[in-house]
Amino acid sequence: MQNRVRKICLSLPGASEKLSHGEPTFFVRKKVFAMLSDNHHNDGHVAVLIPLEPGEQAALIAANPKTYYYPKYVGVKGWVGIELDQIDDEDLAVHLHQAHKLIIQKR
């Protein structure tokens, strides 16, 4: 499942990967746009964590709580967790592209 995320993330302009907090993390312009979470701290999630525009987090979680969740540590900053076994490649790619674009625009 991690390879799905890695393939999409590393296809994006300027993206790179390195370990951060023990998990593969994806950067653009030295800022994080996606983090893998493979049962991190035994939380039961095999997911990717991404930043969202303000207001999107609650809407996604309410619309589909099996796919999206409020992640520890970064949820308070508007990030969302996406369960990798609950999302297809096309929708996953859309989210990762949007996260990448969001981080680039913040600079």
C-alpha atoms as a PDB file:
ATOM      1  CA  MET A   1       0.000   0.000   0.000  1.00  0.00           C
ATOM      2  CA  GLN A   2       2.880   2.349   0.693  1.00  0.00           C
ATOM      3  CA  ASN A   3       4.077   1.923  -2.874  1.00  0.00           C
ATOM      4  CA  ARG A   4       0.796   3.379  -4.172  1.00  0.00           C
ATOM      5  CA  VAL A   5       1.416   6.565  -2.208  1.00  0.00           C
ATOM      6  CA  ARG A   6       5.114   6.670  -3.052  1.00  0.00           C
ATOM      7  CA  LYS A   7       4.487   6.304  -6.798  1.00  0.00           C
ATOM      8  CA  ILE A   8       1.964   9.143  -6.866  1.00  0.00           C
ATOM      9  CA  CYS A   9       3.901  11.478  -4.572  1.00  0.00           C
ATOM     10  CA  LEU A  10       7.235  11.091  -6.311  1.00  0.00           C
ATOM     11  CA  SER A  11       5.620  11.771  -9.694  1.00  0.00           C
ATOM     12  CA  LEU A  12       4.783  15.308  -8.543  1.00  0.00           C
ATOM     13  CA  PRO A  13       7.124  18.202  -9.448  1.00  0.00           C
ATOM     14  CA  GLY A  14       9.865  18.779  -6.878  1.00  0.00           C
ATOM     15  CA  ALA A  15       8.690  16.011  -4.549  1.00  0.00           C
ATOM     16  CA  SER A  16      11.140  14.055  -2.420  1.00  0.00           C
ATOM     17  CA  GLU A  17      10.896  11.409   0.285  1.00  0.00           C
ATOM     18  CA  LYS A  18      12.676  10.887   3.579  1.00  0.00           C
ATOM     19  CA  LEU A  19      11.924   9.305   6.921  1.00  0.00           C
ATOM     20  CA  SER A  20      10.367  11.557   9.515  1.00  0.00           C
ATOM     21  CA  HIS A  21       9.117  10.278  12.867  1.00  0.00           C
ATOM     22  CA  GLY A  22       9.898   6.760  11.623  1.00  0.00           C
ATOM     23  CA  GLU A  23       7.539   6.930   8.626  1.00  0.00           C
ATOM     24  CA  PRO A  24       8.045   7.728   4.918  1.00  0.00           C
ATOM     25  CA  THR A  25       7.262  11.422   4.481  1.00  0.00           C
ATOM     26  CA  PHE A  26       6.947  13.428   1.269  1.00  0.00           C
ATOM     27  CA  PHE A  27       8.221  16.965   0.847  1.00  0.00           C
ATOM     28  CA  VAL A  28       8.082  19.755  -1.679  1.00  0.00           C
ATOM     29  CA  ARG A  29      10.236  22.845  -1.148  1.00  0.00           C
ATOM     30  CA  LYS A  30      11.268  21.496   2.277  1.00  0.00           C
ATOM     31  CA  LYS A  31       7.621  21.376   3.462  1.00  0.00           C
ATOM     32  CA  VAL A  32       5.634  18.197   4.158  1.00  0.00           C
ATOM     33  CA  PHE A  33       2.651  17.465   1.927  1.00  0.00           C
ATOM     34  CA  ALA A  34       2.034  13.798   2.808  1.00  0.00           C
ATOM     35  CA  MET A  35       3.030  11.355   5.548  1.00  0.00           C
ATOM     36  CA  LEU A  36       2.512   7.617   5.588  1.00  0.00           C
ATOM     37  CA  SER A  37       1.168   6.105   8.768  1.00  0.00           C
ATOM     38  CA  ASP A  38       1.613   2.335   9.090  1.00  0.00           C
ATOM     39  CA  ASN A  39      -0.049   1.584  12.431  1.00  0.00           C
ATOM     40  CA  HIS A  40       1.948   4.460  13.940  1.00  0.00           C
ATOM     41  CA  HIS A  41       1.995   4.161  17.755  1.00  0.00           C
ATOM     42  CA  ASN A  42      -0.359   1.180  17.315  1.00  0.00           C
ATOM     43  CA  ASP A  43      -3.233   3.434  16.243  1.00  0.00           C
ATOM     44  CA  GLY A  44      -4.644   0.784  13.873  1.00  0.00           C
ATOM     45  CA  HIS A  45      -4.460   2.982  10.764  1.00  0.00           C
ATOM     46  CA  VAL A  46      -2.609   2.169   7.546  1.00  0.00           C
ATOM     47  CA  ALA A  47      -3.055   5.546   5.967  1.00  0.00           C
ATOM     48  CA  VAL A  48      -1.631   8.648   4.402  1.00  0.00           C
ATOM     49  CA  LEU A  49      -1.977  11.985   6.191  1.00  0.00           C
ATOM     50  CA  ILE A  50      -2.410  15.151   4.129  1.00  0.00           C
ATOM     51  CA  PRO A  51      -3.157  18.843   4.700  1.00  0.00           C
ATOM     52  CA  LEU A  52      -6.460  20.291   3.491  1.00  0.00           C
ATOM     53  CA  GLU A  53      -7.986  23.675   2.859  1.00  0.00           C
ATOM     54  CA  PRO A  54      -9.829  25.084   5.909  1.00  0.00           C
ATOM     55  CA  GLY A  55     -13.221  23.427   6.387  1.00  0.00           C
ATOM     56  CA  GLU A  56     -12.532  20.370   4.229  1.00  0.00           C
ATOM     57  CA  GLN A  57     -11.432  18.070   7.046  1.00  0.00           C
ATOM     58  CA  ALA A  58     -14.767  17.961   8.883  1.00  0.00           C
ATOM     59  CA  ALA A  59     -16.731  17.607   5.643  1.00  0.00           C
ATOM     60  CA  LEU A  60     -14.685  14.612   4.437  1.00  0.00           C
ATOM     61  CA  ILE A  61     -14.833  12.837   7.795  1.00  0.00           C
ATOM     62  CA  ALA A  62     -18.593  13.401   8.103  1.00  0.00           C
ATOM     63  CA  ALA A  63     -19.238  12.216   4.539  1.00  0.00           C
ATOM     64  CA  ASN A  64     -17.175   9.031   4.779  1.00  0.00           C
ATOM     65  CA  PRO A  65     -15.800   8.121   8.231  1.00  0.00           C
ATOM     66  CA  LYS A  66     -14.577   4.699   7.035  1.00  0.00           C
ATOM     67  CA  THR A  67     -12.166   6.387   4.623  1.00  0.00           C
ATOM     68  CA  TYR A  68     -11.237   9.622   6.419  1.00  0.00           C
ATOM     69  CA  TYR A  69     -10.319  10.247  10.043  1.00  0.00           C
ATOM     70  CA  TYR A  70      -8.989  12.921  12.377  1.00  0.00           C
ATOM     71  CA  PRO A  71      -5.308  12.064  12.930  1.00  0.00           C
ATOM     72  CA  LYS A  72      -3.469  12.643  16.191  1.00  0.00           C
ATOM     73  CA  TYR A  73      -0.913  15.460  16.282  1.00  0.00           C
ATOM     74  CA  VAL A  74      -1.722  16.985  12.859  1.00  0.00           C
ATOM     75  CA  GLY A  75      -5.521  16.843  12.880  1.00  0.00           C
ATOM     76  CA  VAL A  76      -5.598  20.071  14.846  1.00  0.00           C
ATOM     77  CA  LYS A  77      -3.784  21.731  11.927  1.00  0.00           C
ATOM     78  CA  GLY A  78      -6.475  20.690   9.449  1.00  0.00           C
ATOM     79  CA  TRP A  79      -4.858  17.489   8.200  1.00  0.00           C
ATOM     80  CA  VAL A  80      -6.879  14.350   7.494  1.00  0.00           C
ATOM     81  CA  GLY A  81      -5.988  10.662   7.539  1.00  0.00           C
ATOM     82  CA  ILE A  82      -6.998   8.574   4.526  1.00  0.00           C
ATOM     83  CA  GLU A  83      -7.322   4.814   5.075  1.00  0.00           C
ATOM     84  CA  LEU A  84      -5.446   3.276   2.148  1.00  0.00           C
ATOM     85  CA  ASP A  85      -7.625   0.163   1.949  1.00  0.00           C
ATOM     86  CA  GLN A  86     -10.740   2.347   1.603  1.00  0.00           C
ATOM     87  CA  ILE A  87      -9.725   4.510  -1.387  1.00  0.00           C
ATOM     88  CA  ASP A  88      -8.970   3.764  -5.025  1.00  0.00           C
ATOM     89  CA  ASP A  89      -5.871   5.004  -6.830  1.00  0.00           C
ATOM     90  CA  GLU A  90      -7.701   7.709  -8.771  1.00  0.00           C
ATOM     91  CA  ASP A  91      -9.224   9.363  -5.690  1.00  0.00           C
ATOM     92  CA  LEU A  92      -5.984   8.946  -3.772  1.00  0.00           C
ATOM     93  CA  ALA A  93      -4.085  10.702  -6.562  1.00  0.00           C
ATOM     94  CA  VAL A  94      -6.553  13.603  -6.522  1.00  0.00           C
ATOM     95  CA  HIS A  95      -6.012  14.111  -2.785  1.00  0.00           C
ATOM     96  CA  LEU A  96      -2.226  13.887  -3.046  1.00  0.00           C
ATOM     97  CA  HIS A  97      -2.118  16.332  -5.964  1.00  0.00           C
ATOM     98  CA  GLN A  98      -4.279  18.784  -4.005  1.00  0.00           C
ATOM     99  CA  ALA A  99      -2.061  18.482  -0.911  1.00  0.00           C
ATOM    100  CA  HIS A 100       1.050  19.080  -3.028  1.00  0.00           C
ATOM    101  CA  LYS A 101      -0.539  22.145  -4.638  1.00  0.00           C
ATOM    102  CA  LEU A 102      -1.691  23.490  -1.257  1.00  0.00           C
ATOM    103  CA  ILE A 103       1.819  23.344   0.192  1.00  0.00           C
ATOM    104  CA  ILE A 104       3.363  24.971  -2.889  1.00  0.00           C
ATOM    105  CA  GLN A 105       0.814  27.808  -2.701  1.00  0.00           C
ATOM    106  CA  LYS A 106       1.610  28.474   0.967  1.00  0.00           C
ATOM    107  CA  ARG A 107       5.177  29.490   0.074  1.00  0.00           C
END
